[in-house]
Amino acid sequence: MTELFIATTNKGKLAEIRSEFDAAGLQCLKLRTPSDLTKPMEIIEDRPTFIGNAIKKARSWADATGLAAIADDSGLCVDALGGEPGVRSARYAGEPCDDLANNNLVLAKLSHTPADSRQAQFVCAMALALPGTTLAVFVDKVEGVILTAPRGENGFGYDPLFLIPHLGRTTAELTMTEKSQLSHRGKALRRLIQWLNTHRSALAARHANFPA
């Protein structure tokens, strides 16, 4: 069984990624994560863009493990907040990461923003790397509106605040399958999986740990 490193410790992200690989019929891959390692390292997400952070994480873990690695950097970008929280989404309210505190800070900053000015996007950059090289990066997004109060029990992060207008539901009110079909991460990951399926035979020939 071939190993593929998934560079995240976020249980919600990992569940969504595993679901996409299973749906693509890639159960033959053993997905490794930082929690599998005896001495997991910490990657500082200090790049100013989602793409920069995704590449840094994928490259760092590929170099450290010798495996093909995928990493995403994703977050909420609110128009009325000038694109915030953006790359600071996970730590918007400070350390340690706290979804409730982050959500409350967004609501507080938008407290005087009218309903017709609360547009936002979830953005995801998904990178695939081998040791020493970046193979591909895919960026996708989903448009929505920030509510004035959370709704829903599913998902994680800002999902309870993020309304999909044409559905009339937040991403926290969707099942994992429903969310994956339209989410920023689901769309970017499916593009990455398609790229992997198209190129993996050639890449496996030059790197023993690439999923063949």
N, C-alpha and C. Protein backbone atom coordinates (compact mmCIF):
# COMPACT_ATOMS: atom_id res chain seq x y z
N MET A 1 0.85 -1.19 0.00
CA MET A 1 0.00 0.00 0.00
C MET A 1 0.89 1.25 0.00
N THR A 2 0.62 2.17 -0.91
CA THR A 2 1.43 3.37 -1.04
C THR A 2 0.99 4.43 -0.03
N GLU A 3 1.96 5.15 0.51
CA GLU A 3 1.68 6.17 1.51
C GLU A 3 1.66 7.55 0.88
N LEU A 4 0.71 8.35 1.32
CA LEU A 4 0.60 9.74 0.90
C LEU A 4 0.43 10.57 2.16
N PHE A 5 1.26 11.59 2.32
CA PHE A 5 1.24 12.37 3.54
C PHE A 5 0.25 13.53 3.43
N ILE A 6 -0.66 13.62 4.41
CA ILE A 6 -1.64 14.71 4.45
C ILE A 6 -1.21 15.67 5.56
N ALA A 7 -0.77 16.84 5.18
CA ALA A 7 -0.13 17.76 6.11
C ALA A 7 -1.16 18.60 6.87
N THR A 8 -1.91 17.94 7.75
CA THR A 8 -2.83 18.68 8.61
C THR A 8 -3.04 17.93 9.91
N THR A 9 -3.24 18.69 10.98
CA THR A 9 -3.65 18.11 12.26
C THR A 9 -5.10 18.45 12.57
N ASN A 10 -5.76 19.13 11.65
CA ASN A 10 -7.16 19.53 11.82
C ASN A 10 -8.06 18.33 11.50
N LYS A 11 -8.76 17.82 12.51
CA LYS A 11 -9.57 16.62 12.32
C LYS A 11 -10.68 16.82 11.31
N GLY A 12 -11.26 18.03 11.27
CA GLY A 12 -12.31 18.30 10.30
C GLY A 12 -11.80 18.25 8.88
N LYS A 13 -10.66 18.90 8.65
CA LYS A 13 -10.05 18.87 7.31
C LYS A 13 -9.69 17.45 6.91
N LEU A 14 -9.10 16.70 7.84
CA LEU A 14 -8.67 15.35 7.54
C LEU A 14 -9.86 14.47 7.16
N ALA A 15 -10.97 14.61 7.87
CA ALA A 15 -12.16 13.82 7.55
C ALA A 15 -12.66 14.14 6.15
N GLU A 16 -12.65 15.42 5.78
CA GLU A 16 -13.10 15.81 4.45
C GLU A 16 -12.15 15.28 3.38
N ILE A 17 -10.85 15.33 3.63
CA ILE A 17 -9.88 14.84 2.66
C ILE A 17 -9.99 13.32 2.49
N ARG A 18 -10.11 12.61 3.60
CA ARG A 18 -10.28 11.15 3.51
C ARG A 18 -11.53 10.80 2.71
N SER A 19 -12.61 11.53 2.94
CA SER A 19 -13.85 11.27 2.24
C SER A 19 -13.69 11.45 0.74
N GLU A 20 -12.96 12.48 0.32
CA GLU A 20 -12.75 12.71 -1.11
C GLU A 20 -11.89 11.60 -1.73
N PHE A 21 -10.87 11.16 -1.03
CA PHE A 21 -10.04 10.08 -1.57
C PHE A 21 -10.83 8.78 -1.66
N ASP A 22 -11.68 8.51 -0.68
CA ASP A 22 -12.52 7.31 -0.73
C ASP A 22 -13.50 7.39 -1.90
N ALA A 23 -14.10 8.58 -2.09
CA ALA A 23 -15.06 8.76 -3.18
C ALA A 23 -14.39 8.60 -4.54
N ALA A 24 -13.10 8.92 -4.61
CA ALA A 24 -12.36 8.79 -5.87
C ALA A 24 -11.85 7.38 -6.10
N GLY A 25 -12.15 6.47 -5.16
CA GLY A 25 -11.72 5.09 -5.30
C GLY A 25 -10.25 4.87 -5.01
N LEU A 26 -9.68 5.71 -4.16
CA LEU A 26 -8.26 5.61 -3.84
C LEU A 26 -8.03 5.08 -2.43
N GLN A 27 -8.89 4.13 -2.02
CA GLN A 27 -8.72 3.53 -0.70
C GLN A 27 -7.41 2.75 -0.58
N CYS A 28 -6.76 2.49 -1.73
CA CYS A 28 -5.50 1.75 -1.71
C CYS A 28 -4.36 2.58 -1.12
N LEU A 29 -4.55 3.89 -1.03
CA LEU A 29 -3.52 4.76 -0.47
C LEU A 29 -3.62 4.77 1.05
N LYS A 30 -2.50 4.68 1.71
CA LYS A 30 -2.46 4.87 3.15
C LYS A 30 -2.15 6.33 3.41
N LEU A 31 -3.11 7.04 3.98
CA LEU A 31 -2.94 8.45 4.23
C LEU A 31 -2.27 8.64 5.59
N ARG A 32 -1.08 9.19 5.57
CA ARG A 32 -0.33 9.48 6.79
C ARG A 32 -0.53 10.94 7.18
N THR A 33 -0.45 11.22 8.49
CA THR A 33 -0.62 12.58 8.99
C THR A 33 0.46 12.86 10.03
N PRO A 34 0.62 14.12 10.42
CA PRO A 34 1.61 14.44 11.45
C PRO A 34 1.41 13.65 12.76
N SER A 35 0.17 13.29 13.07
CA SER A 35 -0.09 12.56 14.32
C SER A 35 0.47 11.14 14.29
N ASP A 36 0.81 10.64 13.10
CA ASP A 36 1.40 9.30 12.99
C ASP A 36 2.88 9.29 13.36
N LEU A 37 3.49 10.45 13.44
CA LEU A 37 4.93 10.54 13.65
C LEU A 37 5.26 10.67 15.14
N THR A 38 6.39 10.12 15.53
CA THR A 38 6.79 10.18 16.94
C THR A 38 7.20 11.60 17.32
N LYS A 39 7.77 12.33 16.37
CA LYS A 39 8.18 13.71 16.64
C LYS A 39 7.67 14.63 15.54
N PRO A 40 6.37 14.91 15.56
CA PRO A 40 5.83 15.81 14.53
C PRO A 40 6.42 17.21 14.65
N MET A 41 6.71 17.82 13.52
CA MET A 41 7.26 19.17 13.56
C MET A 41 6.15 20.19 13.36
N GLU A 42 6.43 21.41 13.75
CA GLU A 42 5.46 22.49 13.59
C GLU A 42 5.90 23.38 12.43
N ILE A 43 4.99 23.58 11.49
CA ILE A 43 5.26 24.46 10.35
C ILE A 43 4.62 25.80 10.63
N ILE A 44 5.40 26.86 10.65
CA ILE A 44 4.87 28.20 10.89
C ILE A 44 4.25 28.73 9.60
N GLU A 45 2.97 29.03 9.66
CA GLU A 45 2.27 29.55 8.48
C GLU A 45 2.47 31.07 8.42
N ASP A 46 3.61 31.47 7.88
CA ASP A 46 3.98 32.88 7.90
C ASP A 46 3.97 33.53 6.53
N ARG A 47 3.45 32.84 5.53
CA ARG A 47 3.38 33.44 4.19
C ARG A 47 2.15 34.34 4.10
N PRO A 48 2.19 35.36 3.25
CA PRO A 48 1.07 36.32 3.18
C PRO A 48 -0.11 35.84 2.34
N THR A 49 0.02 34.68 1.69
CA THR A 49 -1.06 34.18 0.83
C THR A 49 -1.38 32.73 1.16
N PHE A 50 -2.59 32.30 0.80
CA PHE A 50 -2.97 30.90 0.96
C PHE A 50 -2.03 29.99 0.14
N ILE A 51 -1.72 30.42 -1.07
CA ILE A 51 -0.84 29.62 -1.94
C ILE A 51 0.53 29.45 -1.29
N GLY A 52 1.08 30.54 -0.78
CA GLY A 52 2.40 30.46 -0.17
C GLY A 52 2.44 29.52 1.02
N ASN A 53 1.43 29.58 1.88
CA ASN A 53 1.39 28.69 3.04
C ASN A 53 1.18 27.24 2.64
N ALA A 54 0.32 26.99 1.65
CA ALA A 54 0.07 25.62 1.21
C ALA A 54 1.35 25.00 0.65
N ILE A 55 2.07 25.76 -0.17
CA ILE A 55 3.32 25.25 -0.74
C ILE A 55 4.36 25.01 0.35
N LYS A 56 4.48 25.95 1.29
CA LYS A 56 5.45 25.78 2.37
C LYS A 56 5.19 24.51 3.16
N LYS A 57 3.93 24.26 3.50
CA LYS A 57 3.59 23.07 4.29
C LYS A 57 3.82 21.79 3.50
N ALA A 58 3.37 21.77 2.25
CA ALA A 58 3.54 20.56 1.45
C ALA A 58 5.01 20.25 1.23
N ARG A 59 5.81 21.27 0.89
CA ARG A 59 7.23 21.07 0.65
C ARG A 59 7.95 20.64 1.93
N SER A 60 7.63 21.27 3.04
CA SER A 60 8.30 20.97 4.31
C SER A 60 8.05 19.52 4.72
N TRP A 61 6.81 19.07 4.62
CA TRP A 61 6.50 17.70 5.03
C TRP A 61 7.02 16.68 4.03
N ALA A 62 6.99 16.99 2.74
CA ALA A 62 7.58 16.08 1.75
C ALA A 62 9.07 15.90 2.00
N ASP A 63 9.76 17.00 2.27
CA ASP A 63 11.19 16.93 2.54
C ASP A 63 11.48 16.15 3.83
N ALA A 64 10.62 16.32 4.83
CA ALA A 64 10.86 15.69 6.13
C ALA A 64 10.55 14.20 6.12
N THR A 65 9.57 13.79 5.34
CA THR A 65 9.12 12.39 5.37
C THR A 65 9.61 11.57 4.19
N GLY A 66 10.00 12.24 3.10
CA GLY A 66 10.36 11.51 1.89
C GLY A 66 9.16 11.02 1.11
N LEU A 67 7.97 11.43 1.51
CA LEU A 67 6.74 11.01 0.85
C LEU A 67 6.17 12.12 -0.01
N ALA A 68 5.32 11.76 -0.96
CA ALA A 68 4.48 12.76 -1.60
C ALA A 68 3.58 13.34 -0.52
N ALA A 69 3.39 14.66 -0.53
CA ALA A 69 2.61 15.32 0.52
C ALA A 69 1.64 16.31 -0.09
N ILE A 70 0.45 16.37 0.50
CA ILE A 70 -0.49 17.41 0.11
C ILE A 70 -0.80 18.27 1.33
N ALA A 71 -1.00 19.54 1.08
CA ALA A 71 -1.32 20.47 2.16
C ALA A 71 -2.25 21.54 1.62
N ASP A 72 -3.13 22.01 2.47
CA ASP A 72 -3.96 23.13 2.06
C ASP A 72 -3.78 24.28 3.04
N ASP A 73 -4.04 25.46 2.54
CA ASP A 73 -4.22 26.60 3.42
C ASP A 73 -5.52 27.24 2.97
N SER A 74 -6.39 27.46 3.91
CA SER A 74 -7.72 27.93 3.55
C SER A 74 -8.24 28.85 4.62
N GLY A 75 -9.26 29.60 4.28
CA GLY A 75 -9.81 30.51 5.26
C GLY A 75 -10.98 31.30 4.73
N LEU A 76 -11.48 32.14 5.60
CA LEU A 76 -12.63 32.98 5.31
C LEU A 76 -12.15 34.38 4.94
N CYS A 77 -12.69 34.92 3.86
CA CYS A 77 -12.36 36.29 3.43
C CYS A 77 -13.67 37.08 3.35
N VAL A 78 -13.81 38.04 4.24
CA VAL A 78 -15.03 38.83 4.33
C VAL A 78 -14.81 40.18 3.65
N ASP A 79 -15.65 40.49 2.68
CA ASP A 79 -15.47 41.71 1.89
C ASP A 79 -15.46 42.96 2.78
N ALA A 80 -16.41 43.05 3.70
CA ALA A 80 -16.54 44.24 4.53
C ALA A 80 -15.39 44.41 5.52
N LEU A 81 -14.60 43.35 5.69
CA LEU A 81 -13.43 43.41 6.58
C LEU A 81 -12.14 43.50 5.79
N GLY A 82 -12.24 43.89 4.53
CA GLY A 82 -11.04 44.03 3.71
C GLY A 82 -10.34 42.71 3.44
N GLY A 83 -11.09 41.62 3.44
CA GLY A 83 -10.51 40.30 3.18
C GLY A 83 -10.14 39.53 4.43
N GLU A 84 -10.28 40.13 5.59
CA GLU A 84 -10.03 39.40 6.84
C GLU A 84 -11.15 38.36 7.07
N PRO A 85 -10.84 37.32 7.85
CA PRO A 85 -9.58 36.98 8.52
C PRO A 85 -8.48 36.51 7.56
N GLY A 86 -8.84 36.00 6.37
CA GLY A 86 -7.84 35.60 5.39
C GLY A 86 -6.91 34.53 5.91
N VAL A 87 -5.60 34.71 5.69
CA VAL A 87 -4.63 33.70 6.10
C VAL A 87 -4.54 33.56 7.62
N ARG A 88 -5.14 34.50 8.36
CA ARG A 88 -5.15 34.42 9.82
C ARG A 88 -6.41 33.75 10.35
N SER A 89 -7.18 33.11 9.48
CA SER A 89 -8.49 32.60 9.87
C SER A 89 -8.46 31.69 11.09
N ALA A 90 -7.52 30.76 11.15
CA ALA A 90 -7.49 29.80 12.25
C ALA A 90 -7.14 30.46 13.57
N ARG A 91 -6.41 31.58 13.53
CA ARG A 91 -5.93 32.24 14.75
C ARG A 91 -6.39 33.69 14.81
N TYR A 92 -7.53 33.96 14.24
CA TYR A 92 -8.00 35.34 14.14
C TYR A 92 -8.16 35.99 15.52
N ALA A 93 -8.63 35.22 16.49
CA ALA A 93 -8.83 35.75 17.84
C ALA A 93 -7.62 35.50 18.73
N GLY A 94 -6.53 35.02 18.15
CA GLY A 94 -5.32 34.77 18.92
C GLY A 94 -5.08 33.30 19.18
N GLU A 95 -4.01 33.03 19.91
CA GLU A 95 -3.62 31.66 20.27
C GLU A 95 -4.24 31.28 21.62
N PRO A 96 -4.58 29.98 21.82
CA PRO A 96 -4.58 28.92 20.81
C PRO A 96 -5.78 29.06 19.88
N CYS A 97 -5.80 28.26 18.81
CA CYS A 97 -6.91 28.31 17.86
C CYS A 97 -8.22 28.00 18.59
N ASP A 98 -9.23 28.82 18.35
CA ASP A 98 -10.51 28.66 19.03
C ASP A 98 -11.63 29.08 18.07
N ASP A 99 -12.37 28.08 17.57
CA ASP A 99 -13.41 28.37 16.59
C ASP A 99 -14.45 29.34 17.13
N LEU A 100 -14.89 29.12 18.36
CA LEU A 100 -15.93 29.98 18.93
C LEU A 100 -15.44 31.42 19.05
N ALA A 101 -14.22 31.59 19.54
CA ALA A 101 -13.66 32.94 19.68
C ALA A 101 -13.51 33.61 18.32
N ASN A 102 -13.07 32.86 17.32
CA ASN A 102 -12.92 33.41 15.98
C ASN A 102 -14.27 33.86 15.42
N ASN A 103 -15.28 33.01 15.56
CA ASN A 103 -16.62 33.36 15.09
C ASN A 103 -17.15 34.59 15.79
N ASN A 104 -16.97 34.66 17.10
CA ASN A 104 -17.46 35.81 17.86
C ASN A 104 -16.77 37.10 17.45
N LEU A 105 -15.48 37.01 17.11
CA LEU A 105 -14.76 38.21 16.68
C LEU A 105 -15.28 38.71 15.33
N VAL A 106 -15.52 37.79 14.41
CA VAL A 106 -16.09 38.18 13.12
C VAL A 106 -17.45 38.84 13.32
N LEU A 107 -18.29 38.24 14.15
CA LEU A 107 -19.62 38.81 14.40
C LEU A 107 -19.51 40.20 15.02
N ALA A 108 -18.57 40.36 15.94
CA ALA A 108 -18.41 41.67 16.58
C ALA A 108 -17.97 42.73 15.58
N LYS A 109 -17.05 42.36 14.71
CA LYS A 109 -16.55 43.34 13.73
C LYS A 109 -17.61 43.68 12.68
N LEU A 110 -18.57 42.79 12.49
CA LEU A 110 -19.63 43.03 11.50
C LEU A 110 -20.93 43.49 12.15
N SER A 111 -20.88 43.82 13.41
CA SER A 111 -22.11 44.11 14.15
C SER A 111 -22.92 45.27 13.56
N HIS A 112 -22.25 46.20 12.90
CA HIS A 112 -22.95 47.33 12.30
C HIS A 112 -23.00 47.25 10.78
N THR A 113 -22.70 46.08 10.25
CA THR A 113 -22.71 45.89 8.80
C THR A 113 -24.05 45.34 8.37
N PRO A 114 -24.75 46.02 7.44
CA PRO A 114 -26.09 45.56 7.02
C PRO A 114 -26.04 44.24 6.26
N ALA A 115 -27.18 43.59 6.18
CA ALA A 115 -27.27 42.26 5.57
C ALA A 115 -26.81 42.24 4.13
N ASP A 116 -27.02 43.32 3.39
CA ASP A 116 -26.65 43.33 1.98
C ASP A 116 -25.18 43.66 1.75
N SER A 117 -24.40 43.77 2.83
CA SER A 117 -22.97 44.07 2.72
C SER A 117 -22.13 43.05 3.47
N ARG A 118 -22.62 41.82 3.62
CA ARG A 118 -21.92 40.81 4.41
C ARG A 118 -21.42 39.66 3.53
N GLN A 119 -21.08 39.97 2.28
CA GLN A 119 -20.59 38.94 1.37
C GLN A 119 -19.21 38.44 1.81
N ALA A 120 -18.96 37.15 1.55
CA ALA A 120 -17.70 36.55 1.94
C ALA A 120 -17.40 35.36 1.05
N GLN A 121 -16.17 34.89 1.12
CA GLN A 121 -15.75 33.71 0.37
C GLN A 121 -14.93 32.82 1.29
N PHE A 122 -15.14 31.52 1.14
CA PHE A 122 -14.18 30.55 1.66
C PHE A 122 -13.21 30.28 0.52
N VAL A 123 -11.91 30.38 0.78
CA VAL A 123 -10.88 30.18 -0.23
C VAL A 123 -9.95 29.06 0.22
N CYS A 124 -9.55 28.21 -0.73
CA CYS A 124 -8.63 27.11 -0.41
C CYS A 124 -7.55 27.02 -1.48
N ALA A 125 -6.30 26.93 -1.04
CA ALA A 125 -5.18 26.59 -1.91
C ALA A 125 -4.70 25.21 -1.51
N MET A 126 -4.62 24.29 -2.46
CA MET A 126 -4.22 22.91 -2.20
C MET A 126 -2.95 22.61 -3.00
N ALA A 127 -1.89 22.22 -2.30
CA ALA A 127 -0.59 21.98 -2.94
C ALA A 127 -0.20 20.52 -2.82
N LEU A 128 0.46 20.03 -3.85
CA LEU A 128 1.01 18.67 -3.89
C LEU A 128 2.51 18.79 -4.13
N ALA A 129 3.30 18.08 -3.32
CA ALA A 129 4.76 18.19 -3.45
C ALA A 129 5.43 16.84 -3.29
N LEU A 130 6.58 16.72 -3.90
CA LEU A 130 7.54 15.66 -3.65
C LEU A 130 8.75 16.30 -2.97
N PRO A 131 9.61 15.52 -2.35
CA PRO A 131 10.81 16.12 -1.76
C PRO A 131 11.56 16.98 -2.77
N GLY A 132 11.75 18.23 -2.43
CA GLY A 132 12.52 19.12 -3.28
C GLY A 132 11.76 19.81 -4.38
N THR A 133 10.46 19.52 -4.54
CA THR A 133 9.76 20.15 -5.66
C THR A 133 8.26 20.26 -5.41
N THR A 134 7.68 21.33 -5.90
CA THR A 134 6.23 21.50 -5.89
C THR A 134 5.69 20.99 -7.21
N LEU A 135 4.71 20.10 -7.15
CA LEU A 135 4.16 19.50 -8.36
C LEU A 135 2.97 20.27 -8.91
N ALA A 136 2.08 20.69 -8.04
CA ALA A 136 0.87 21.36 -8.51
C ALA A 136 0.22 22.11 -7.36
N VAL A 137 -0.49 23.18 -7.70
CA VAL A 137 -1.27 23.94 -6.73
C VAL A 137 -2.61 24.28 -7.36
N PHE A 138 -3.68 24.08 -6.60
CA PHE A 138 -5.02 24.38 -7.09
C PHE A 138 -5.72 25.29 -6.10
N VAL A 139 -6.38 26.32 -6.62
CA VAL A 139 -7.08 27.29 -5.78
C VAL A 139 -8.55 27.31 -6.17
N ASP A 140 -9.43 27.25 -5.17
CA ASP A 140 -10.86 27.34 -5.46
C ASP A 140 -11.55 28.08 -4.33
N LYS A 141 -12.80 28.44 -4.55
CA LYS A 141 -13.54 29.19 -3.54
C LYS A 141 -15.03 28.91 -3.64
N VAL A 142 -15.75 29.33 -2.61
CA VAL A 142 -17.21 29.28 -2.63
C VAL A 142 -17.71 30.60 -2.05
N GLU A 143 -18.74 31.14 -2.68
CA GLU A 143 -19.28 32.43 -2.27
C GLU A 143 -20.40 32.24 -1.25
N GLY A 144 -20.50 33.18 -0.31
CA GLY A 144 -21.55 33.11 0.68
C GLY A 144 -21.79 34.43 1.36
N VAL A 145 -22.56 34.38 2.42
CA VAL A 145 -22.92 35.57 3.21
C VAL A 145 -22.75 35.23 4.69
N ILE A 146 -22.24 36.17 5.46
CA ILE A 146 -22.06 35.97 6.90
C ILE A 146 -23.34 36.34 7.64
N LEU A 147 -23.85 35.40 8.41
CA LEU A 147 -25.06 35.64 9.19
C LEU A 147 -24.75 36.48 10.43
N THR A 148 -25.81 36.85 11.15
CA THR A 148 -25.64 37.61 12.38
C THR A 148 -25.57 36.70 13.61
N ALA A 149 -25.83 35.41 13.40
CA ALA A 149 -25.75 34.43 14.50
C ALA A 149 -25.48 33.07 13.89
N PRO A 150 -24.79 32.18 14.59
CA PRO A 150 -24.45 30.87 14.03
C PRO A 150 -25.66 29.97 13.88
N ARG A 151 -25.58 29.07 12.87
CA ARG A 151 -26.62 28.07 12.64
C ARG A 151 -25.97 26.77 12.21
N GLY A 152 -26.39 25.66 12.80
CA GLY A 152 -25.91 24.34 12.39
C GLY A 152 -24.89 23.76 13.34
N GLU A 153 -24.80 22.44 13.31
CA GLU A 153 -23.92 21.71 14.23
C GLU A 153 -22.80 20.96 13.52
N ASN A 154 -22.81 20.95 12.20
CA ASN A 154 -21.80 20.18 11.45
C ASN A 154 -20.61 21.05 11.10
N GLY A 155 -19.61 20.42 10.48
CA GLY A 155 -18.45 21.17 10.02
C GLY A 155 -17.59 21.68 11.16
N PHE A 156 -16.86 22.75 10.88
CA PHE A 156 -15.94 23.32 11.86
C PHE A 156 -15.61 24.74 11.42
N GLY A 157 -14.80 25.41 12.21
CA GLY A 157 -14.38 26.77 11.84
C GLY A 157 -15.55 27.73 11.74
N TYR A 158 -15.60 28.44 10.63
CA TYR A 158 -16.63 29.46 10.42
C TYR A 158 -17.89 28.92 9.76
N ASP A 159 -18.00 27.62 9.63
CA ASP A 159 -19.15 27.02 8.95
C ASP A 159 -20.50 27.48 9.50
N PRO A 160 -20.67 27.64 10.83
CA PRO A 160 -21.99 28.06 11.32
C PRO A 160 -22.41 29.47 10.91
N LEU A 161 -21.46 30.29 10.47
CA LEU A 161 -21.78 31.66 10.07
C LEU A 161 -21.95 31.82 8.57
N PHE A 162 -21.52 30.82 7.81
CA PHE A 162 -21.39 30.99 6.35
C PHE A 162 -22.62 30.43 5.64
N LEU A 163 -23.48 31.32 5.19
CA LEU A 163 -24.71 30.95 4.50
C LEU A 163 -24.48 30.82 3.00
N ILE A 164 -24.94 29.71 2.44
CA ILE A 164 -24.95 29.54 0.98
C ILE A 164 -26.30 30.05 0.49
N PRO A 165 -26.35 31.21 -0.14
CA PRO A 165 -27.65 31.84 -0.43
C PRO A 165 -28.63 30.97 -1.21
N HIS A 166 -28.16 30.28 -2.26
CA HIS A 166 -29.12 29.53 -3.08
C HIS A 166 -29.65 28.29 -2.38
N LEU A 167 -28.98 27.86 -1.31
CA LEU A 167 -29.47 26.73 -0.53
C LEU A 167 -30.28 27.18 0.69
N GLY A 168 -30.01 28.40 1.17
CA GLY A 168 -30.66 28.87 2.38
C GLY A 168 -30.18 28.16 3.62
N ARG A 169 -28.97 27.55 3.54
CA ARG A 169 -28.40 26.84 4.67
C ARG A 169 -26.94 27.25 4.84
N THR A 170 -26.47 27.16 6.08
CA THR A 170 -25.04 27.39 6.31
C THR A 170 -24.29 26.10 5.99
N THR A 171 -22.97 26.22 5.87
CA THR A 171 -22.18 25.01 5.62
C THR A 171 -22.15 24.11 6.86
N ALA A 172 -22.55 24.63 8.01
CA ALA A 172 -22.69 23.79 9.21
C ALA A 172 -24.02 23.06 9.24
N GLU A 173 -24.92 23.37 8.31
CA GLU A 173 -26.21 22.69 8.21
C GLU A 173 -26.21 21.66 7.09
N LEU A 174 -25.06 21.46 6.46
CA LEU A 174 -24.92 20.49 5.38
C LEU A 174 -24.27 19.22 5.90
N THR A 175 -24.59 18.10 5.27
CA THR A 175 -23.83 16.88 5.55
C THR A 175 -22.44 17.03 4.96
N MET A 176 -21.53 16.14 5.36
CA MET A 176 -20.18 16.21 4.80
C MET A 176 -20.21 16.05 3.28
N THR A 177 -21.05 15.15 2.79
CA THR A 177 -21.14 14.93 1.35
C THR A 177 -21.66 16.17 0.64
N GLU A 178 -22.70 16.79 1.19
CA GLU A 178 -23.26 18.00 0.59
C GLU A 178 -22.24 19.12 0.60
N LYS A 179 -21.56 19.30 1.72
CA LYS A 179 -20.57 20.36 1.83
C LYS A 179 -19.43 20.15 0.85
N SER A 180 -18.97 18.91 0.73
CA SER A 180 -17.83 18.62 -0.13
C SER A 180 -18.12 18.95 -1.58
N GLN A 181 -19.36 18.76 -2.01
CA GLN A 181 -19.70 19.00 -3.41
C GLN A 181 -19.55 20.46 -3.80
N LEU A 182 -19.71 21.36 -2.87
CA LEU A 182 -19.66 22.79 -3.22
C LEU A 182 -18.57 23.57 -2.51
N SER A 183 -17.89 22.94 -1.56
CA SER A 183 -16.93 23.69 -0.75
C SER A 183 -15.66 24.02 -1.51
N HIS A 184 -14.97 25.04 -1.02
CA HIS A 184 -13.68 25.44 -1.55
C HIS A 184 -12.68 24.30 -1.50
N ARG A 185 -12.64 23.61 -0.36
CA ARG A 185 -11.68 22.52 -0.19
C ARG A 185 -12.03 21.32 -1.07
N GLY A 186 -13.31 20.98 -1.11
CA GLY A 186 -13.74 19.85 -1.92
C GLY A 186 -13.41 20.06 -3.39
N LYS A 187 -13.68 21.26 -3.91
CA LYS A 187 -13.42 21.53 -5.32
C LYS A 187 -11.93 21.52 -5.63
N ALA A 188 -11.13 22.14 -4.76
CA ALA A 188 -9.68 22.16 -4.99
C ALA A 188 -9.10 20.75 -4.89
N LEU A 189 -9.57 19.97 -3.93
CA LEU A 189 -9.05 18.62 -3.74
C LEU A 189 -9.41 17.71 -4.90
N ARG A 190 -10.63 17.83 -5.43
CA ARG A 190 -10.99 17.00 -6.59
C ARG A 190 -10.14 17.33 -7.81
N ARG A 191 -9.79 18.58 -7.97
CA ARG A 191 -8.90 18.96 -9.07
C ARG A 191 -7.51 18.37 -8.86
N LEU A 192 -7.04 18.38 -7.61
CA LEU A 192 -5.74 17.79 -7.31
C LEU A 192 -5.75 16.28 -7.55
N ILE A 193 -6.82 15.61 -7.13
CA ILE A 193 -6.92 14.16 -7.33
C ILE A 193 -6.96 13.83 -8.82
N GLN A 194 -7.67 14.63 -9.59
CA GLN A 194 -7.71 14.42 -11.04
C GLN A 194 -6.31 14.57 -11.64
N TRP A 195 -5.58 15.59 -11.18
CA TRP A 195 -4.20 15.79 -11.66
C TRP A 195 -3.34 14.60 -11.28
N LEU A 196 -3.49 14.14 -10.04
CA LEU A 196 -2.70 13.01 -9.56
C LEU A 196 -2.98 11.77 -10.40
N ASN A 197 -4.25 11.51 -10.69
CA ASN A 197 -4.61 10.34 -11.49
C ASN A 197 -4.04 10.42 -12.90
N THR A 198 -3.96 11.63 -13.44
CA THR A 198 -3.45 11.81 -14.80
C THR A 198 -1.94 11.63 -14.87
N HIS A 199 -1.23 12.06 -13.83
CA HIS A 199 0.23 12.11 -13.89
C HIS A 199 0.95 11.07 -13.04
N ARG A 200 0.24 10.32 -12.23
CA ARG A 200 0.95 9.55 -11.22
C ARG A 200 1.81 8.42 -11.76
N SER A 201 1.46 7.84 -12.91
CA SER A 201 2.30 6.76 -13.46
C SER A 201 3.69 7.28 -13.81
N ALA A 202 3.73 8.43 -14.49
CA ALA A 202 5.01 9.01 -14.87
C ALA A 202 5.81 9.44 -13.65
N LEU A 203 5.12 10.01 -12.67
CA LEU A 203 5.81 10.46 -11.48
C LEU A 203 6.29 9.30 -10.62
N ALA A 204 5.51 8.22 -10.59
CA ALA A 204 5.93 7.04 -9.83
C ALA A 204 7.22 6.46 -10.38
N ALA A 205 7.42 6.61 -11.67
CA ALA A 205 8.63 6.08 -12.30
C ALA A 205 9.88 6.81 -11.82
N ARG A 206 9.73 8.07 -11.41
CA ARG A 206 10.89 8.84 -10.96
C ARG A 206 10.99 8.97 -9.46
N HIS A 207 9.93 8.55 -8.73
CA HIS A 207 9.97 8.65 -7.28
C HIS A 207 9.21 7.47 -6.70
N ALA A 208 9.92 6.63 -5.96
CA ALA A 208 9.35 5.36 -5.50
C ALA A 208 8.17 5.55 -4.57
N ASN A 209 8.10 6.67 -3.86
CA ASN A 209 7.03 6.87 -2.89
C ASN A 209 5.83 7.59 -3.46
N PHE A 210 5.86 7.88 -4.77
CA PHE A 210 4.69 8.53 -5.34
C PHE A 210 3.61 7.48 -5.58
N PRO A 211 2.30 7.79 -5.29
CA PRO A 211 1.24 6.81 -5.46
C PRO A 211 1.12 6.33 -6.90
N ALA A 212 1.44 5.08 -7.15
CA ALA A 212 1.40 4.54 -8.53
C ALA A 212 0.04 3.95 -8.83
